[in-house]
Amino acid sequence: MRLEELYNVQSLDELELLMDEAIKNKDKVAILVLTDYLRWIPKDFYPKLPNVREYMHHVKYLIDNCNDLVEDG
C-alpha cells in the first residue's frame, strides 16, 4: 500500500477496506498507520468486515487490560 493512500483516509468505509486489505496482506506498516485512525472513530462503530472486527476486538482487549498485562517497573 502507498503511504499517501494510508495517510489520506476519507471515511470509515475506506478505513475499514484498507485495514481489511492490510490484514489480508500482513502489511505491518499499513496496519500500524491505520491503527492511528482508531482514536478518531466513534465508540459505537461496528466494522462490517470480519478481519477488521477481530482486529478491533484485540485492540480493545489490550487497551482495557493494559494494566493487567504490563508490570510497573
N, C-alpha and C. Protein backbone atom coordinates (compact mmCIF):
# COMPACT_ATOMS: atom_id res chain seq x y z
N MET A 1 0.85 -1.18 0.00
CA MET A 1 0.00 0.00 0.00
C MET A 1 0.89 1.24 0.00
N ARG A 2 0.41 2.26 -0.64
CA ARG A 2 1.15 3.52 -0.69
C ARG A 2 0.85 4.34 0.55
N LEU A 3 1.88 4.97 1.09
CA LEU A 3 1.70 5.79 2.29
C LEU A 3 0.73 6.93 2.06
N GLU A 4 0.75 7.51 0.86
CA GLU A 4 -0.18 8.60 0.54
C GLU A 4 -1.63 8.14 0.72
N GLU A 5 -1.91 6.94 0.29
CA GLU A 5 -3.26 6.37 0.42
C GLU A 5 -3.61 6.16 1.89
N LEU A 6 -2.64 5.70 2.67
CA LEU A 6 -2.88 5.40 4.09
C LEU A 6 -3.07 6.67 4.92
N TYR A 7 -2.39 7.74 4.55
CA TYR A 7 -2.47 8.97 5.33
C TYR A 7 -3.60 9.90 4.89
N ASN A 8 -4.39 9.50 3.91
CA ASN A 8 -5.47 10.35 3.42
C ASN A 8 -6.81 9.63 3.40
N VAL A 9 -7.10 8.88 4.44
CA VAL A 9 -8.37 8.16 4.54
C VAL A 9 -9.50 9.18 4.72
N GLN A 10 -10.56 9.02 3.93
CA GLN A 10 -11.64 10.00 3.91
C GLN A 10 -12.92 9.55 4.62
N SER A 11 -13.04 8.25 4.93
CA SER A 11 -14.29 7.78 5.53
C SER A 11 -14.03 6.50 6.33
N LEU A 12 -15.00 6.15 7.16
CA LEU A 12 -14.91 4.90 7.92
C LEU A 12 -14.94 3.69 6.98
N ASP A 13 -15.73 3.77 5.93
CA ASP A 13 -15.78 2.67 4.96
C ASP A 13 -14.42 2.46 4.31
N GLU A 14 -13.78 3.55 3.93
CA GLU A 14 -12.46 3.45 3.31
C GLU A 14 -11.44 2.90 4.32
N LEU A 15 -11.51 3.37 5.55
CA LEU A 15 -10.61 2.87 6.59
C LEU A 15 -10.78 1.37 6.77
N GLU A 16 -12.02 0.93 6.81
CA GLU A 16 -12.29 -0.49 7.01
C GLU A 16 -11.77 -1.32 5.83
N LEU A 17 -11.97 -0.86 4.62
CA LEU A 17 -11.48 -1.59 3.44
C LEU A 17 -9.95 -1.65 3.42
N LEU A 18 -9.31 -0.53 3.74
CA LEU A 18 -7.85 -0.51 3.77
C LEU A 18 -7.30 -1.42 4.87
N MET A 19 -7.94 -1.39 6.03
CA MET A 19 -7.49 -2.23 7.13
C MET A 19 -7.66 -3.70 6.78
N ASP A 20 -8.77 -4.05 6.16
CA ASP A 20 -9.01 -5.43 5.76
C ASP A 20 -7.92 -5.88 4.77
N GLU A 21 -7.61 -5.04 3.81
CA GLU A 21 -6.57 -5.36 2.83
C GLU A 21 -5.21 -5.50 3.52
N ALA A 22 -4.90 -4.60 4.45
CA ALA A 22 -3.62 -4.66 5.16
C ALA A 22 -3.51 -5.95 5.97
N ILE A 23 -4.59 -6.34 6.61
CA ILE A 23 -4.59 -7.58 7.41
C ILE A 23 -4.41 -8.79 6.50
N LYS A 24 -5.14 -8.83 5.40
CA LYS A 24 -5.03 -9.96 4.47
C LYS A 24 -3.61 -10.08 3.90
N ASN A 25 -2.98 -8.92 3.64
CA ASN A 25 -1.64 -8.92 3.07
C ASN A 25 -0.53 -8.96 4.13
N LYS A 26 -0.94 -8.98 5.40
CA LYS A 26 0.01 -8.97 6.52
C LYS A 26 1.01 -7.81 6.38
N ASP A 27 0.46 -6.65 6.02
CA ASP A 27 1.26 -5.44 5.81
C ASP A 27 1.36 -4.70 7.15
N LYS A 28 2.45 -4.94 7.87
CA LYS A 28 2.62 -4.40 9.21
C LYS A 28 2.64 -2.88 9.24
N VAL A 29 3.29 -2.26 8.26
CA VAL A 29 3.36 -0.80 8.23
C VAL A 29 1.96 -0.22 8.02
N ALA A 30 1.21 -0.77 7.09
CA ALA A 30 -0.14 -0.27 6.83
C ALA A 30 -1.03 -0.45 8.06
N ILE A 31 -0.92 -1.59 8.73
CA ILE A 31 -1.72 -1.83 9.93
C ILE A 31 -1.40 -0.81 11.00
N LEU A 32 -0.12 -0.53 11.20
CA LEU A 32 0.27 0.47 12.21
C LEU A 32 -0.22 1.86 11.86
N VAL A 33 -0.08 2.25 10.61
CA VAL A 33 -0.55 3.58 10.20
C VAL A 33 -2.06 3.68 10.38
N LEU A 34 -2.79 2.68 9.94
CA LEU A 34 -4.25 2.71 10.04
C LEU A 34 -4.74 2.62 11.49
N THR A 35 -3.97 1.96 12.34
CA THR A 35 -4.33 1.88 13.76
C THR A 35 -4.41 3.27 14.39
N ASP A 36 -3.59 4.18 13.91
CA ASP A 36 -3.62 5.55 14.44
C ASP A 36 -4.98 6.20 14.25
N TYR A 37 -5.73 5.80 13.24
CA TYR A 37 -7.06 6.35 12.99
C TYR A 37 -8.08 5.92 14.04
N LEU A 38 -7.79 4.87 14.78
CA LEU A 38 -8.77 4.36 15.75
C LEU A 38 -9.17 5.42 16.78
N ARG A 39 -8.30 6.35 17.05
CA ARG A 39 -8.65 7.38 18.05
C ARG A 39 -9.71 8.35 17.55
N TRP A 40 -9.98 8.35 16.25
CA TRP A 40 -10.97 9.27 15.68
C TRP A 40 -12.30 8.61 15.33
N ILE A 41 -12.37 7.31 15.42
CA ILE A 41 -13.63 6.67 15.04
C ILE A 41 -14.60 6.68 16.22
N PRO A 42 -15.88 6.74 15.95
CA PRO A 42 -16.88 6.74 17.03
C PRO A 42 -16.80 5.44 17.85
N LYS A 43 -17.06 5.55 19.14
CA LYS A 43 -17.00 4.38 20.02
C LYS A 43 -18.03 3.32 19.64
N ASP A 44 -19.11 3.73 19.01
CA ASP A 44 -20.15 2.76 18.65
C ASP A 44 -19.95 2.17 17.25
N PHE A 45 -18.83 2.46 16.62
CA PHE A 45 -18.54 1.93 15.28
C PHE A 45 -18.39 0.41 15.35
N TYR A 46 -19.12 -0.29 14.48
CA TYR A 46 -19.05 -1.74 14.43
C TYR A 46 -18.66 -2.13 13.01
N PRO A 47 -17.43 -2.61 12.82
CA PRO A 47 -16.97 -2.96 11.47
C PRO A 47 -17.81 -4.06 10.83
N LYS A 48 -18.00 -3.94 9.53
CA LYS A 48 -18.76 -4.94 8.78
C LYS A 48 -17.88 -6.15 8.42
N LEU A 49 -16.60 -5.90 8.22
CA LEU A 49 -15.70 -6.96 7.74
C LEU A 49 -15.11 -7.74 8.92
N PRO A 50 -15.16 -9.06 8.85
CA PRO A 50 -14.74 -9.91 9.97
C PRO A 50 -13.29 -9.68 10.42
N ASN A 51 -12.37 -9.51 9.47
CA ASN A 51 -10.97 -9.29 9.84
C ASN A 51 -10.81 -8.02 10.69
N VAL A 52 -11.50 -6.98 10.28
CA VAL A 52 -11.39 -5.69 10.97
C VAL A 52 -12.08 -5.79 12.33
N ARG A 53 -13.21 -6.46 12.38
CA ARG A 53 -13.92 -6.66 13.65
C ARG A 53 -13.02 -7.38 14.65
N GLU A 54 -12.37 -8.45 14.21
CA GLU A 54 -11.50 -9.22 15.09
C GLU A 54 -10.30 -8.38 15.52
N TYR A 55 -9.70 -7.66 14.59
CA TYR A 55 -8.56 -6.81 14.92
C TYR A 55 -8.95 -5.77 15.98
N MET A 56 -10.09 -5.11 15.78
CA MET A 56 -10.52 -4.08 16.73
C MET A 56 -10.86 -4.70 18.08
N HIS A 57 -11.38 -5.92 18.09
CA HIS A 57 -11.65 -6.62 19.34
C HIS A 57 -10.33 -6.82 20.11
N HIS A 58 -9.28 -7.22 19.41
CA HIS A 58 -7.99 -7.43 20.06
C HIS A 58 -7.41 -6.13 20.59
N VAL A 59 -7.51 -5.06 19.81
CA VAL A 59 -7.01 -3.76 20.25
C VAL A 59 -7.77 -3.30 21.48
N LYS A 60 -9.09 -3.44 21.46
CA LYS A 60 -9.91 -3.04 22.61
C LYS A 60 -9.52 -3.86 23.85
N TYR A 61 -9.29 -5.16 23.68
CA TYR A 61 -8.88 -6.00 24.80
C TYR A 61 -7.56 -5.49 25.39
N LEU A 62 -6.60 -5.18 24.53
CA LEU A 62 -5.31 -4.68 25.03
C LEU A 62 -5.46 -3.37 25.79
N ILE A 63 -6.28 -2.48 25.27
CA ILE A 63 -6.50 -1.20 25.94
C ILE A 63 -7.19 -1.41 27.28
N ASP A 64 -8.23 -2.23 27.29
CA ASP A 64 -9.00 -2.47 28.52
C ASP A 64 -8.19 -3.20 29.59
N ASN A 65 -7.22 -3.98 29.18
CA ASN A 65 -6.49 -4.81 30.13
C ASN A 65 -5.00 -4.46 30.24
N CYS A 66 -4.60 -3.30 29.76
CA CYS A 66 -3.18 -2.98 29.72
C CYS A 66 -2.56 -2.97 31.13
N ASN A 67 -3.29 -2.55 32.13
CA ASN A 67 -2.73 -2.54 33.49
C ASN A 67 -2.46 -3.95 33.99
N ASP A 68 -3.27 -4.91 33.58
CA ASP A 68 -3.07 -6.30 34.00
C ASP A 68 -1.97 -6.99 33.21
N LEU A 69 -1.69 -6.48 32.00
CA LEU A 69 -0.73 -7.13 31.11
C LEU A 69 0.70 -6.63 31.28
N VAL A 70 0.85 -5.44 31.87
CA VAL A 70 2.17 -4.82 31.99
C VAL A 70 2.47 -4.57 33.46
N GLU A 71 3.65 -4.98 33.87
CA GLU A 71 4.07 -4.73 35.24
C GLU A 71 4.72 -3.36 35.34
N ASP A 72 4.50 -2.69 36.45
CA ASP A 72 5.22 -1.45 36.71
C ASP A 72 6.64 -1.81 37.10
N GLY A 73 7.59 -1.13 36.51
CA GLY A 73 8.98 -1.49 36.74
C GLY A 73 9.66 -0.51 37.53
